[in-house]
Amino acid sequence: MTHDLDTHRLAGAYALDALTDTERRRFERHLRGCAACADEAAGFRETAARLALAAARRPPDELRGRVMAEIARTRQSPPLARRLPSPRARGPVWLAAAACLVLVLALAGAGAAWRVQRSAEREQSLNRQVAAVMSAPDARTSTVRTPAAATVTVVSSRSLGKAVVTTNRMPPLPSARTYQMWWLGPAAPRSAGTMNPAESDRPVIATGLGGARRIGVTVEPAGGSARPSGAPILTLAVG
């Protein structure tokens, strides 16, 4: 009985290809006779595929046009007519200019490297949290499709108190509006965070699951609301 229970809990790790060869062979034998685990593993694989696709983001198509338009209307400054310093004075002046240029480039490079590092650290933190939820023994997957053909998938873990929310084809919102998630249960609705409409296909970690039984999504003013301003546009069950 304990062996079967342990095998059931391998669905998340199997979907992430995180099992040893022995565990994978044992779980695949188990799948032949367990429809529940087969469905759960398929759901995890679908969610993992959506997360992989969500991580690849191309720049907006209009970005190149804006850059080229800015170049076309920005006038270049003419060269300054100046007397060149004498050969005797030229050496120190050029050395000072070169030193200033090196300092500016070093500062600019350090700033760019810091931003890249911070971005990479945020992505790594998000990936670790997503993997932890998806491979949790009590992970549960729920998916709903809206009338507008958008899809929302939630993988929740009550032991971790978190959920991974992924969306596909969510309708864009005006800049003054945002999608907000809510924990729903016996108590009053609690905010589970917002989703940037411009990044609605990016996975979001919702924390504070507590005793909630469902998660709902509403459309709220930018920045979110203290309580829902209307009925949820969709709800999903959580583990």
C-alpha atoms as a PDB file:
ATOM      1  CA  MET A   1       0.000   0.000   0.000  1.00  0.00           C
ATOM      2  CA  THR A   2       2.847   2.348   0.876  1.00  0.00           C
ATOM      3  CA  HIS A   3       4.633   1.365  -2.351  1.00  0.00           C
ATOM      4  CA  ASP A   4       1.528   2.248  -4.431  1.00  0.00           C
ATOM      5  CA  LEU A   5       1.131   5.583  -2.626  1.00  0.00           C
ATOM      6  CA  ASP A   6       4.766   6.480  -3.298  1.00  0.00           C
ATOM      7  CA  THR A   7       4.337   5.577  -6.968  1.00  0.00           C
ATOM      8  CA  HIS A   8       1.253   7.818  -7.266  1.00  0.00           C
ATOM      9  CA  ARG A   9       3.338  10.769  -6.058  1.00  0.00           C
ATOM     10  CA  LEU A  10       5.833  10.447  -8.932  1.00  0.00           C
ATOM     11  CA  ALA A  11       3.515  11.989 -11.559  1.00  0.00           C
ATOM     12  CA  GLY A  12       4.900  15.522 -11.241  1.00  0.00           C
ATOM     13  CA  ALA A  13       8.553  14.467 -11.269  1.00  0.00           C
ATOM     14  CA  TYR A  14       7.857  12.103 -14.202  1.00  0.00           C
ATOM     15  CA  ALA A  15       6.346  14.963 -16.231  1.00  0.00           C
ATOM     16  CA  LEU A  16       9.465  17.064 -15.531  1.00  0.00           C
ATOM     17  CA  ASP A  17      11.781  14.138 -16.488  1.00  0.00           C
ATOM     18  CA  ALA A  18      13.250  14.288 -12.987  1.00  0.00           C
ATOM     19  CA  LEU A  19      13.143  10.552 -12.133  1.00  0.00           C
ATOM     20  CA  THR A  20      15.968   8.088 -12.035  1.00  0.00           C
ATOM     21  CA  ASP A  21      15.904   5.304 -14.632  1.00  0.00           C
ATOM     22  CA  THR A  22      14.634   2.841 -12.023  1.00  0.00           C
ATOM     23  CA  GLU A  23      11.862   5.183 -10.832  1.00  0.00           C
ATOM     24  CA  ARG A  24      10.849   5.994 -14.402  1.00  0.00           C
ATOM     25  CA  ARG A  25      10.547   2.312 -15.379  1.00  0.00           C
ATOM     26  CA  ARG A  26       8.534   1.582 -12.219  1.00  0.00           C
ATOM     27  CA  PHE A  27       6.214   4.520 -12.829  1.00  0.00           C
ATOM     28  CA  GLU A  28       5.685   3.639 -16.502  1.00  0.00           C
ATOM     29  CA  ARG A  29       4.693   0.108 -15.466  1.00  0.00           C
ATOM     30  CA  HIS A  30       2.306   1.654 -12.966  1.00  0.00           C
ATOM     31  CA  LEU A  31       0.794   3.927 -15.656  1.00  0.00           C
ATOM     32  CA  ARG A  32      -0.446   0.949 -17.676  1.00  0.00           C
ATOM     33  CA  GLY A  33      -2.977   0.148 -14.987  1.00  0.00           C
ATOM     34  CA  CYS A  34      -3.677   3.559 -13.410  1.00  0.00           C
ATOM     35  CA  ALA A  35      -5.823   5.928 -15.481  1.00  0.00           C
ATOM     36  CA  ALA A  36      -5.725   8.600 -12.742  1.00  0.00           C
ATOM     37  CA  CYS A  37      -1.920   8.837 -12.808  1.00  0.00           C
ATOM     38  CA  ALA A  38      -1.909   8.790 -16.612  1.00  0.00           C
ATOM     39  CA  ASP A  39      -4.309  11.761 -16.708  1.00  0.00           C
ATOM     40  CA  GLU A  40      -2.338  13.603 -14.016  1.00  0.00           C
ATOM     41  CA  ALA A  41       0.999  13.081 -15.789  1.00  0.00           C
ATOM     42  CA  ALA A  42      -0.521  14.275 -19.078  1.00  0.00           C
ATOM     43  CA  GLY A  43      -1.812  17.414 -17.345  1.00  0.00           C
ATOM     44  CA  PHE A  44       1.604  18.119 -15.840  1.00  0.00           C
ATOM     45  CA  ARG A  45       3.286  17.670 -19.240  1.00  0.00           C
ATOM     46  CA  GLU A  46       0.816  20.066 -20.865  1.00  0.00           C
ATOM     47  CA  THR A  47       1.482  22.670 -18.184  1.00  0.00           C
ATOM     48  CA  ALA A  48       5.259  22.225 -18.490  1.00  0.00           C
ATOM     49  CA  ALA A  49       5.008  22.732 -22.254  1.00  0.00           C
ATOM     50  CA  ARG A  50       3.038  25.945 -21.785  1.00  0.00           C
ATOM     51  CA  LEU A  51       5.578  27.205 -19.267  1.00  0.00           C
ATOM     52  CA  ALA A  52       8.392  26.525 -21.732  1.00  0.00           C
ATOM     53  CA  LEU A  53       6.582  28.419 -24.464  1.00  0.00           C
ATOM     54  CA  ALA A  54       5.800  31.285 -22.096  1.00  0.00           C
ATOM     55  CA  ALA A  55       9.494  31.735 -21.325  1.00  0.00           C
ATOM     56  CA  ALA A  56      10.309  32.525 -24.965  1.00  0.00           C
ATOM     57  CA  ARG A  57       9.178  36.075 -25.572  1.00  0.00           C
ATOM     58  CA  ARG A  58       9.965  38.099 -28.721  1.00  0.00           C
ATOM     59  CA  PRO A  59      10.165  41.910 -28.714  1.00  0.00           C
ATOM     60  CA  PRO A  60       7.068  43.775 -29.961  1.00  0.00           C
ATOM     61  CA  ASP A  61       6.814  44.008 -33.759  1.00  0.00           C
ATOM     62  CA  GLU A  62       6.459  47.784 -33.579  1.00  0.00           C
ATOM     63  CA  LEU A  63       9.731  48.255 -31.644  1.00  0.00           C
ATOM     64  CA  ARG A  64      11.939  48.378 -34.770  1.00  0.00           C
ATOM     65  CA  GLY A  65       9.627  50.919 -36.388  1.00  0.00           C
ATOM     66  CA  ARG A  66       9.804  53.193 -33.333  1.00  0.00           C
ATOM     67  CA  VAL A  67      13.605  52.999 -33.228  1.00  0.00           C
ATOM     68  CA  MET A  68      13.978  53.756 -36.955  1.00  0.00           C
ATOM     69  CA  ALA A  69      11.519  56.671 -36.713  1.00  0.00           C
ATOM     70  CA  GLU A  70      13.464  58.136 -33.796  1.00  0.00           C
ATOM     71  CA  ILE A  71      16.715  57.867 -35.759  1.00  0.00           C
ATOM     72  CA  ALA A  72      15.150  59.598 -38.774  1.00  0.00           C
ATOM     73  CA  ARG A  73      13.982  62.648 -36.803  1.00  0.00           C
ATOM     74  CA  THR A  74      16.986  63.012 -34.489  1.00  0.00           C
ATOM     75  CA  ARG A  75      19.447  65.496 -35.954  1.00  0.00           C
ATOM     76  CA  GLN A  76      23.082  64.631 -35.624  1.00  0.00           C
ATOM     77  CA  SER A  77      25.336  67.310 -34.132  1.00  0.00           C
ATOM     78  CA  PRO A  78      27.995  68.681 -36.543  1.00  0.00           C
ATOM     79  CA  PRO A  79      31.641  68.225 -35.658  1.00  0.00           C
ATOM     80  CA  LEU A  80      33.152  71.052 -33.638  1.00  0.00           C
ATOM     81  CA  ALA A  81      35.740  73.204 -35.396  1.00  0.00           C
ATOM     82  CA  ARG A  82      38.603  73.270 -32.963  1.00  0.00           C
ATOM     83  CA  ARG A  83      42.301  73.780 -33.147  1.00  0.00           C
ATOM     84  CA  LEU A  84      44.160  70.616 -32.463  1.00  0.00           C
ATOM     85  CA  PRO A  85      46.442  70.800 -29.475  1.00  0.00           C
ATOM     86  CA  SER A  86      50.137  70.910 -30.091  1.00  0.00           C
ATOM     87  CA  PRO A  87      51.886  67.558 -30.328  1.00  0.00           C
ATOM     88  CA  ARG A  88      53.500  68.283 -26.961  1.00  0.00           C
ATOM     89  CA  ALA A  89      50.103  68.795 -25.223  1.00  0.00           C
ATOM     90  CA  ARG A  90      48.208  66.163 -27.208  1.00  0.00           C
ATOM     91  CA  GLY A  91      49.481  63.183 -25.261  1.00  0.00           C
ATOM     92  CA  PRO A  92      48.108  64.115 -21.805  1.00  0.00           C
ATOM     93  CA  VAL A  93      44.798  65.333 -23.303  1.00  0.00           C
ATOM     94  CA  TRP A  94      44.252  62.135 -25.204  1.00  0.00           C
ATOM     95  CA  LEU A  95      45.210  60.050 -22.200  1.00  0.00           C
ATOM     96  CA  ALA A  96      42.657  61.905 -20.044  1.00  0.00           C
ATOM     97  CA  ALA A  97      39.955  61.486 -22.712  1.00  0.00           C
ATOM     98  CA  ALA A  98      40.742  57.792 -23.046  1.00  0.00           C
ATOM     99  CA  ALA A  99      40.596  57.351 -19.279  1.00  0.00           C
ATOM    100  CA  CYS A 100      37.195  59.072 -19.154  1.00  0.00           C
ATOM    101  CA  LEU A 101      35.903  56.885 -21.981  1.00  0.00           C
ATOM    102  CA  VAL A 102      37.107  53.717 -20.266  1.00  0.00           C
ATOM    103  CA  LEU A 103      35.428  54.818 -17.022  1.00  0.00           C
ATOM    104  CA  VAL A 104      32.121  55.562 -18.779  1.00  0.00           C
ATOM    105  CA  LEU A 105      32.180  52.230 -20.618  1.00  0.00           C
ATOM    106  CA  ALA A 106      33.038  50.395 -17.409  1.00  0.00           C
ATOM    107  CA  LEU A 107      30.143  52.016 -15.524  1.00  0.00           C
ATOM    108  CA  ALA A 108      27.727  51.350 -18.382  1.00  0.00           C
ATOM    109  CA  GLY A 109      28.889  47.748 -18.630  1.00  0.00           C
ATOM    110  CA  ALA A 110      28.569  47.235 -14.881  1.00  0.00           C
ATOM    111  CA  GLY A 111      25.032  48.648 -14.908  1.00  0.00           C
ATOM    112  CA  ALA A 112      23.993  46.426 -17.817  1.00  0.00           C
ATOM    113  CA  ALA A 113      25.565  43.356 -16.201  1.00  0.00           C
ATOM    114  CA  TRP A 114      23.772  44.099 -12.918  1.00  0.00           C
ATOM    115  CA  ARG A 115      20.405  44.349 -14.697  1.00  0.00           C
ATOM    116  CA  VAL A 116      21.021  41.124 -16.609  1.00  0.00           C
ATOM    117  CA  GLN A 117      22.058  39.348 -13.407  1.00  0.00           C
ATOM    118  CA  ARG A 118      18.988  40.545 -11.512  1.00  0.00           C
ATOM    119  CA  SER A 119      16.723  39.439 -14.375  1.00  0.00           C
ATOM    120  CA  ALA A 120      18.394  36.017 -14.485  1.00  0.00           C
ATOM    121  CA  GLU A 121      18.050  35.645 -10.703  1.00  0.00           C
ATOM    122  CA  ARG A 122      14.323  36.463 -10.886  1.00  0.00           C
ATOM    123  CA  GLU A 123      13.823  33.912 -13.674  1.00  0.00           C
ATOM    124  CA  GLN A 124      15.743  31.261 -11.729  1.00  0.00           C
ATOM    125  CA  SER A 125      13.686  31.932  -8.601  1.00  0.00           C
ATOM    126  CA  LEU A 126      10.448  31.667 -10.602  1.00  0.00           C
ATOM    127  CA  ASN A 127      11.588  28.418 -12.236  1.00  0.00           C
ATOM    128  CA  ARG A 128      12.500  26.914  -8.860  1.00  0.00           C
ATOM    129  CA  GLN A 129       9.102  27.792  -7.380  1.00  0.00           C
ATOM    130  CA  VAL A 130       7.270  26.440 -10.433  1.00  0.00           C
ATOM    131  CA  ALA A 131       9.212  23.162 -10.305  1.00  0.00           C
ATOM    132  CA  ALA A 132       8.587  22.809  -6.544  1.00  0.00           C
ATOM    133  CA  VAL A 133       4.820  23.195  -6.938  1.00  0.00           C
ATOM    134  CA  MET A 134       4.562  20.914  -9.966  1.00  0.00           C
ATOM    135  CA  SER A 135       6.589  18.130  -8.327  1.00  0.00           C
ATOM    136  CA  ALA A 136       4.879  18.384  -4.916  1.00  0.00           C
ATOM    137  CA  PRO A 137       3.301  15.089  -3.780  1.00  0.00           C
ATOM    138  CA  ASP A 138      -0.120  16.745  -3.408  1.00  0.00           C
ATOM    139  CA  ALA A 139       0.008  18.805  -6.630  1.00  0.00           C
ATOM    140  CA  ARG A 140      -3.373  19.126  -8.342  1.00  0.00           C
ATOM    141  CA  THR A 141      -4.061  20.439 -11.859  1.00  0.00           C
ATOM    142  CA  SER A 142      -7.212  22.258 -13.003  1.00  0.00           C
ATOM    143  CA  THR A 143      -7.854  23.746 -16.441  1.00  0.00           C
ATOM    144  CA  VAL A 144     -10.710  25.872 -17.748  1.00  0.00           C
ATOM    145  CA  ARG A 145     -11.425  27.288 -21.204  1.00  0.00           C
ATOM    146  CA  THR A 146     -13.278  30.602 -21.493  1.00  0.00           C
ATOM    147  CA  PRO A 147     -15.947  31.419 -24.106  1.00  0.00           C
ATOM    148  CA  ALA A 148     -13.317  33.591 -25.840  1.00  0.00           C
ATOM    149  CA  ALA A 149     -11.116  30.467 -26.319  1.00  0.00           C
ATOM    150  CA  ALA A 150      -8.612  31.517 -23.645  1.00  0.00           C
ATOM    151  CA  THR A 151      -7.208  28.750 -21.424  1.00  0.00           C
ATOM    152  CA  VAL A 152      -6.233  29.026 -17.758  1.00  0.00           C
ATOM    153  CA  THR A 153      -4.388  26.214 -15.941  1.00  0.00           C
ATOM    154  CA  VAL A 154      -3.677  26.086 -12.215  1.00  0.00           C
ATOM    155  CA  VAL A 155      -1.301  23.635 -10.533  1.00  0.00           C
ATOM    156  CA  SER A 156      -1.733  23.945  -6.761  1.00  0.00           C
ATOM    157  CA  SER A 157      -0.088  22.410  -3.708  1.00  0.00           C
ATOM    158  CA  ARG A 158      -1.798  22.789  -0.351  1.00  0.00           C
ATOM    159  CA  SER A 159       1.319  21.632   1.525  1.00  0.00           C
ATOM    160  CA  LEU A 160       3.319  24.485  -0.054  1.00  0.00           C
ATOM    161  CA  GLY A 161       0.425  26.954   0.086  1.00  0.00           C
ATOM    162  CA  LYS A 162       1.105  27.984  -3.517  1.00  0.00           C
ATOM    163  CA  ALA A 163      -0.257  27.655  -7.026  1.00  0.00           C
ATOM    164  CA  VAL A 164       1.230  28.095 -10.498  1.00  0.00           C
ATOM    165  CA  VAL A 165      -1.175  29.934 -12.801  1.00  0.00           C
ATOM    166  CA  THR A 166      -0.587  29.836 -16.555  1.00  0.00           C
ATOM    167  CA  THR A 167      -2.790  31.375 -19.229  1.00  0.00           C
ATOM    168  CA  ASN A 168      -3.043  31.258 -22.982  1.00  0.00           C
ATOM    169  CA  ARG A 169      -4.722  33.805 -25.273  1.00  0.00           C
ATOM    170  CA  MET A 170      -6.120  35.950 -22.477  1.00  0.00           C
ATOM    171  CA  PRO A 171      -7.808  39.028 -24.021  1.00  0.00           C
ATOM    172  CA  PRO A 172      -5.685  42.181 -23.692  1.00  0.00           C
ATOM    173  CA  LEU A 173      -6.954  44.886 -21.340  1.00  0.00           C
ATOM    174  CA  PRO A 174      -6.704  48.695 -21.406  1.00  0.00           C
ATOM    175  CA  SER A 175      -3.689  50.090 -19.553  1.00  0.00           C
ATOM    176  CA  ALA A 176      -5.966  51.173 -16.691  1.00  0.00           C
ATOM    177  CA  ARG A 177      -7.190  47.604 -16.032  1.00  0.00           C
ATOM    178  CA  THR A 178      -5.556  44.371 -14.881  1.00  0.00           C
ATOM    179  CA  TYR A 179      -6.409  40.750 -14.147  1.00  0.00           C
ATOM    180  CA  GLN A 180      -6.507  39.966 -10.406  1.00  0.00           C
ATOM    181  CA  MET A 181      -6.632  36.520  -8.813  1.00  0.00           C
ATOM    182  CA  TRP A 182      -8.577  35.719  -5.642  1.00  0.00           C
ATOM    183  CA  TRP A 183      -8.549  32.848  -3.182  1.00  0.00           C
ATOM    184  CA  LEU A 184     -12.161  31.765  -2.693  1.00  0.00           C
ATOM    185  CA  GLY A 185     -13.474  29.656   0.187  1.00  0.00           C
ATOM    186  CA  PRO A 186     -15.552  29.823   3.340  1.00  0.00           C
ATOM    187  CA  ALA A 187     -14.013  33.189   4.296  1.00  0.00           C
ATOM    188  CA  ALA A 188     -14.081  36.448   2.363  1.00  0.00           C
ATOM    189  CA  PRO A 189     -12.122  36.520  -0.924  1.00  0.00           C
ATOM    190  CA  ARG A 190      -8.390  37.165  -0.511  1.00  0.00           C
ATOM    191  CA  SER A 191      -6.150  38.617  -3.193  1.00  0.00           C
ATOM    192  CA  ALA A 192      -3.735  36.118  -4.767  1.00  0.00           C
ATOM    193  CA  GLY A 193      -1.951  38.757  -6.846  1.00  0.00           C
ATOM    194  CA  THR A 194      -2.346  40.382 -10.235  1.00  0.00           C
ATOM    195  CA  MET A 195      -1.362  39.381 -13.747  1.00  0.00           C
ATOM    196  CA  ASN A 196       0.118  42.000 -16.064  1.00  0.00           C
ATOM    197  CA  PRO A 197      -2.210  42.128 -19.108  1.00  0.00           C
ATOM    198  CA  ALA A 198       0.827  42.656 -21.341  1.00  0.00           C
ATOM    199  CA  GLU A 199       2.341  39.433 -19.935  1.00  0.00           C
ATOM    200  CA  SER A 200      -0.800  37.369 -19.432  1.00  0.00           C
ATOM    201  CA  ASP A 201       0.901  34.280 -20.928  1.00  0.00           C
ATOM    202  CA  ARG A 202       3.693  34.365 -18.330  1.00  0.00           C
ATOM    203  CA  PRO A 203       3.403  31.897 -15.404  1.00  0.00           C
ATOM    204  CA  VAL A 204       2.482  33.508 -12.076  1.00  0.00           C
ATOM    205  CA  ILE A 205       3.087  32.147  -8.573  1.00  0.00           C
ATOM    206  CA  ALA A 206       0.108  32.733  -6.271  1.00  0.00           C
ATOM    207  CA  THR A 207       0.898  32.350  -2.559  1.00  0.00           C
ATOM    208  CA  GLY A 208      -1.261  32.124   0.575  1.00  0.00           C
ATOM    209  CA  LEU A 209      -3.595  29.297  -0.504  1.00  0.00           C
ATOM    210  CA  GLY A 210      -4.642  28.557   3.091  1.00  0.00           C
ATOM    211  CA  GLY A 211      -8.143  27.079   3.318  1.00  0.00           C
ATOM    212  CA  ALA A 212      -9.288  28.297  -0.107  1.00  0.00           C
ATOM    213  CA  ARG A 213     -11.115  25.793  -2.301  1.00  0.00           C
ATOM    214  CA  ARG A 214     -11.115  27.736  -5.566  1.00  0.00           C
ATOM    215  CA  ILE A 215      -9.188  30.511  -7.279  1.00  0.00           C
ATOM    216  CA  GLY A 216     -11.055  33.147  -9.273  1.00  0.00           C
ATOM    217  CA  VAL A 217     -10.024  35.876 -11.712  1.00  0.00           C
ATOM    218  CA  THR A 218     -11.619  39.309 -11.987  1.00  0.00           C
ATOM    219  CA  VAL A 219     -10.858  42.452 -13.998  1.00  0.00           C
ATOM    220  CA  GLU A 220      -9.798  45.279 -11.683  1.00  0.00           C
ATOM    221  CA  PRO A 221      -8.240  48.758 -11.913  1.00  0.00           C
ATOM    222  CA  ALA A 222      -4.483  48.797 -12.554  1.00  0.00           C
ATOM    223  CA  GLY A 223      -2.641  47.915  -9.361  1.00  0.00           C
ATOM    224  CA  GLY A 224      -5.434  45.675  -8.058  1.00  0.00           C
ATOM    225  CA  SER A 225      -8.281  46.095  -5.565  1.00  0.00           C
ATOM    226  CA  ALA A 226      -8.726  45.331  -1.873  1.00  0.00           C
ATOM    227  CA  ARG A 227     -11.825  43.266  -2.705  1.00  0.00           C
ATOM    228  CA  PRO A 228     -13.393  42.014  -5.950  1.00  0.00           C
ATOM    229  CA  SER A 229     -15.345  44.702  -7.792  1.00  0.00           C
ATOM    230  CA  GLY A 230     -17.535  42.128  -9.511  1.00  0.00           C
ATOM    231  CA  ALA A 231     -18.154  38.433 -10.065  1.00  0.00           C
ATOM    232  CA  PRO A 232     -15.134  36.384 -11.259  1.00  0.00           C
ATOM    233  CA  ILE A 233     -14.871  35.871 -15.001  1.00  0.00           C
ATOM    234  CA  LEU A 234     -13.680  32.331 -14.253  1.00  0.00           C
ATOM    235  CA  THR A 235     -12.934  30.041 -11.279  1.00  0.00           C
ATOM    236  CA  LEU A 236     -10.899  26.846 -10.870  1.00  0.00           C
ATOM    237  CA  ALA A 237     -10.680  24.285  -8.087  1.00  0.00           C
ATOM    238  CA  VAL A 238      -7.443  24.081  -6.088  1.00  0.00           C
ATOM    239  CA  GLY A 239      -5.981  21.193  -4.130  1.00  0.00           C
END
